C-alpha atoms as a PDB file:
ATOM      1  CA  MET A   1      -0.387   0.108   0.113  1.00  0.00           C
ATOM      2  CA  GLY A   2       1.368   3.400  -0.153  1.00  0.00           C
ATOM      3  CA  GLN A   3       3.748   3.556  -2.970  1.00  0.00           C
ATOM      4  CA  ALA A   4       3.073   2.511  -6.357  1.00  0.00           C
ATOM      5  CA  GLY A   5       5.481   2.122  -9.478  1.00  0.00           C
ATOM      6  CA  GLN A   6       9.554   1.584  -9.378  1.00  0.00           C
ATOM      7  CA  GLY A   7      11.229   4.235  -7.709  1.00  0.00           C
ATOM      8  CA  ASN A   8       9.047   5.763  -6.059  1.00  0.00           C
ATOM      9  CA  LYS A   9      10.032   6.325  -2.117  1.00  0.00           C
ATOM     10  CA  PHE A  10       7.531   6.764   1.158  1.00  0.00           C
ATOM     11  CA  ALA A  11       9.396   8.675   3.742  1.00  0.00           C
ATOM     12  CA  GLY A  12       6.979   8.944   6.818  1.00  0.00           C
ATOM     13  CA  THR A  13       4.289   7.165   8.486  1.00  0.00           C
ATOM     14  CA  GLN A  14       1.348   5.006   7.091  1.00  0.00           C
ATOM     15  CA  ASN A  15      -1.985   3.690   9.044  1.00  0.00           C
ATOM     16  CA  ILE A  16      -4.723   1.665   8.482  1.00  0.00           C
ATOM     17  CA  ASN A  17      -7.975   1.654   9.677  1.00  0.00           C
ATOM     18  CA  CYS A  18     -11.071   0.483   8.920  1.00  0.00           C
ATOM     19  CA  SER A  19     -15.300   0.760   9.911  1.00  0.00           C
ATOM     20  CA  GLN A  20     -18.501  -1.200   8.794  1.00  0.00           C
ATOM     21  CA  SER A  21     -21.826  -0.451   8.374  1.00  0.00           C
ATOM     22  CA  ALA A  22     -24.530  -2.251   6.939  1.00  0.00           C
ATOM     23  CA  THR A  23     -27.916  -1.593   5.114  1.00  0.00           C
ATOM     24  CA  GLN A  24     -30.134  -4.218   4.195  1.00  0.00           C
ATOM     25  CA  THR A  25     -33.242  -4.274   1.080  1.00  0.00           C
ATOM     26  CA  PRO A  26     -37.000  -4.546   1.885  1.00  0.00           C
ATOM     27  CA  PRO A  27     -38.140  -7.892   2.534  1.00  0.00           C
ATOM     28  CA  GLY A  28     -39.268  -9.606  -0.389  1.00  0.00           C
ATOM     29  CA  SER A  29     -37.054  -7.295  -2.863  1.00  0.00           C
ATOM     30  CA  GLY A  30     -34.823  -9.879  -4.171  1.00  0.00           C
ATOM     31  CA  GLY A  31     -31.843  -6.824  -3.673  1.00  0.00           C
ATOM     32  CA  GLY A  32     -30.426  -8.990  -0.692  1.00  0.00           C
ATOM     33  CA  SER A  33     -28.141  -6.333   1.374  1.00  0.00           C
ATOM     34  CA  PHE A  34     -24.715  -4.795   0.988  1.00  0.00           C
ATOM     35  CA  ALA A  35     -22.150  -4.629   4.341  1.00  0.00           C
ATOM     36  CA  THR A  36     -19.926  -1.274   3.676  1.00  0.00           C
ATOM     37  CA  GLN A  37     -17.252  -0.340   4.609  1.00  0.00           C
ATOM     38  CA  VAL A  38     -14.577   3.027   5.004  1.00  0.00           C
ATOM     39  CA  VAL A  39     -10.967   1.063   4.430  1.00  0.00           C
ATOM     40  CA  THR A  40      -9.003   4.281   5.476  1.00  0.00           C
ATOM     41  CA  VAL A  41      -5.005   4.925   5.130  1.00  0.00           C
ATOM     42  CA  GLN A  42      -3.116   8.178   6.043  1.00  0.00           C
ATOM     43  CA  GLN A  43       0.005   9.625   5.246  1.00  0.00           C
ATOM     44  CA  THR A  44       2.536  11.604   6.963  1.00  0.00           C
ATOM     45  CA  LEU A  45       3.927  13.756   3.772  1.00  0.00           C
ATOM     46  CA  PRO A  46       7.014  16.090   4.236  1.00  0.00           C
ATOM     47  CA  ALA A  47       7.642  19.144   3.579  1.00  0.00           C
ATOM     48  CA  HIS A  48       7.684  20.315  -0.257  1.00  0.00           C
ATOM     49  CA  SER A  49       6.538  16.546  -1.240  1.00  0.00           C
ATOM     50  CA  THR A  50       3.954  14.505  -3.776  1.00  0.00           C
ATOM     51  CA  GLN A  51       2.863  11.482  -2.648  1.00  0.00           C
ATOM     52  CA  ILE A  52       0.545   8.557  -3.410  1.00  0.00           C
ATOM     53  CA  ILE A  53      -1.941   7.012  -1.069  1.00  0.00           C
ATOM     54  CA  GLU A  54      -4.017   4.340  -1.707  1.00  0.00           C
ATOM     55  CA  ALA A  55      -6.414   2.533  -0.021  1.00  0.00           C
ATOM     56  CA  PRO A  56      -7.454  -1.575  -1.338  1.00  0.00           C
ATOM     57  CA  CYS A  57     -10.773  -2.588  -0.793  1.00  0.00           C
ATOM     58  CA  PRO A  58      -9.962  -5.828   1.011  1.00  0.00           C
ATOM     59  CA  PRO A  59     -10.454  -9.225  -0.808  1.00  0.00           C
ATOM     60  CA  GLY A  60     -14.410 -10.045  -1.500  1.00  0.00           C
ATOM     61  CA  THR A  61     -15.627  -7.023  -1.423  1.00  0.00           C
ATOM     62  CA  THR A  62     -16.249  -3.873  -4.587  1.00  0.00           C
ATOM     63  CA  LEU A  63     -15.170  -0.413  -4.462  1.00  0.00           C
ATOM     64  CA  THR A  64     -17.902   1.082  -3.953  1.00  0.00           C
ATOM     65  CA  GLY A  65     -16.567   5.447  -4.181  1.00  0.00           C
ATOM     66  CA  GLY A  66     -14.123   6.932  -2.179  1.00  0.00           C
ATOM     67  CA  GLY A  67     -12.349  10.126  -0.939  1.00  0.00           C
ATOM     68  CA  PHE A  68      -9.545  12.016   0.979  1.00  0.00           C
ATOM     69  CA  GLY A  69      -9.018  14.179   3.490  1.00  0.00           C
ATOM     70  CA  ARG A  70      -6.080  16.904   4.349  1.00  0.00           C
ATOM     71  CA  GLU A  71      -4.847  18.287   7.352  1.00  0.00           C
ATOM     72  CA  THR A  72      -4.376  21.521   6.139  1.00  0.00           C
ATOM     73  CA  ASN A  73      -4.087  23.924   2.629  1.00  0.00           C
ATOM     74  CA  ASP A  74      -0.560  23.753   2.493  1.00  0.00           C
ATOM     75  CA  ILE A  75      -1.507  20.281   0.309  1.00  0.00           C
ATOM     76  CA  GLU A  76      -2.967  20.388  -2.849  1.00  0.00           C
ATOM     77  CA  ILE A  77      -4.882  16.705  -3.786  1.00  0.00           C
ATOM     78  CA  GLU A  78      -3.783  17.049  -7.837  1.00  0.00           C
ATOM     79  CA  ASN A  79      -6.054  13.419  -8.565  1.00  0.00           C
ATOM     80  CA  SER A  80      -8.295  11.377  -6.340  1.00  0.00           C
ATOM     81  CA  ASP A  81     -10.628   8.462  -8.039  1.00  0.00           C
ATOM     82  CA  SER A  82     -10.216   4.528  -8.248  1.00  0.00           C
ATOM     83  CA  PHE A  83      -7.108   4.006  -9.348  1.00  0.00           C
ATOM     84  CA  SER A  84      -8.069  -0.064  -9.867  1.00  0.00           C
ATOM     85  CA  PRO A  85     -11.182  -2.194  -9.781  1.00  0.00           C
ATOM     86  CA  ASN A  86     -10.876  -2.056  -6.281  1.00  0.00           C
ATOM     87  CA  THR A  87      -8.603   0.435  -4.873  1.00  0.00           C
ATOM     88  CA  TRP A  88      -8.919   4.400  -4.038  1.00  0.00           C
ATOM     89  CA  ARG A  89      -5.933   5.734  -5.716  1.00  0.00           C
ATOM     90  CA  VAL A  90      -4.531   9.774  -4.058  1.00  0.00           C
ATOM     91  CA  ILE A  91      -2.419  11.907  -5.526  1.00  0.00           C
ATOM     92  CA  ALA A  92      -1.579  14.790  -2.592  1.00  0.00           C
ATOM     93  CA  THR A  93       1.595  17.575  -2.522  1.00  0.00           C
ATOM     94  CA  ASN A  94       2.579  19.395   0.055  1.00  0.00           C
ATOM     95  CA  TYR A  95       3.805  22.466  -1.065  1.00  0.00           C
ATOM     96  CA  GLY A  96       4.343  23.610   3.091  1.00  0.00           C
ATOM     97  CA  ASP A  97       7.369  23.538   5.383  1.00  0.00           C
ATOM     98  CA  LEU A  98       5.948  21.069   7.797  1.00  0.00           C
ATOM     99  CA  GLU A  99       4.636  17.826   7.203  1.00  0.00           C
ATOM    100  CA  ARG A 100       1.097  16.812   7.280  1.00  0.00           C
ATOM    101  CA  ASN A 101      -1.467  14.074   6.811  1.00  0.00           C
ATOM    102  CA  VAL A 102      -3.529  12.967   3.902  1.00  0.00           C
ATOM    103  CA  THR A 103      -5.931  10.605   4.092  1.00  0.00           C
ATOM    104  CA  ALA A 104      -7.354   8.303   1.391  1.00  0.00           C
ATOM    105  CA  GLN A 105     -10.745   6.507   1.844  1.00  0.00           C
ATOM    106  CA  ALA A 106     -12.816   3.638  -0.142  1.00  0.00           C
ATOM    107  CA  VAL A 107     -15.644   2.602  -0.035  1.00  0.00           C
ATOM    108  CA  CYS A 108     -15.840  -0.908  -0.323  1.00  0.00           C
ATOM    109  CA  ALA A 109     -19.009  -3.305  -0.444  1.00  0.00           C
ATOM    110  CA  THR A 110     -20.288  -6.654  -0.377  1.00  0.00           C
ATOM    111  CA  HIS A 111     -23.210  -8.482  -1.615  1.00  0.00           C
ATOM    112  CA  THR A 112     -25.085 -10.594   0.507  1.00  0.00           C
ATOM    113  CA  ALA A 113     -28.260 -13.110  -1.008  1.00  0.00           C
END
């Protein structure tokens, strides 16, 4: 997780958290239910650096969306979108003089009958 591609370097802290919730369709609708969870990956960006932060969905789940969080306006989000079928990717640049935190979030769903 975190860096992707040959030659990229990561210098900082990375934390991963997950949370879950479920929504069920009404009985008789034939839709089954979906369990959703949000995977959050936090990475510390050194001053004056650009980093890639990736939040992957766990195996057996499907990416349904995602987003990002940033600590300050010194962080510019260059891109925030689905990178692969099950990974949300954020590219962020820290233009400030201090290290700052950025998070990537993937919303992942599992369909159950």
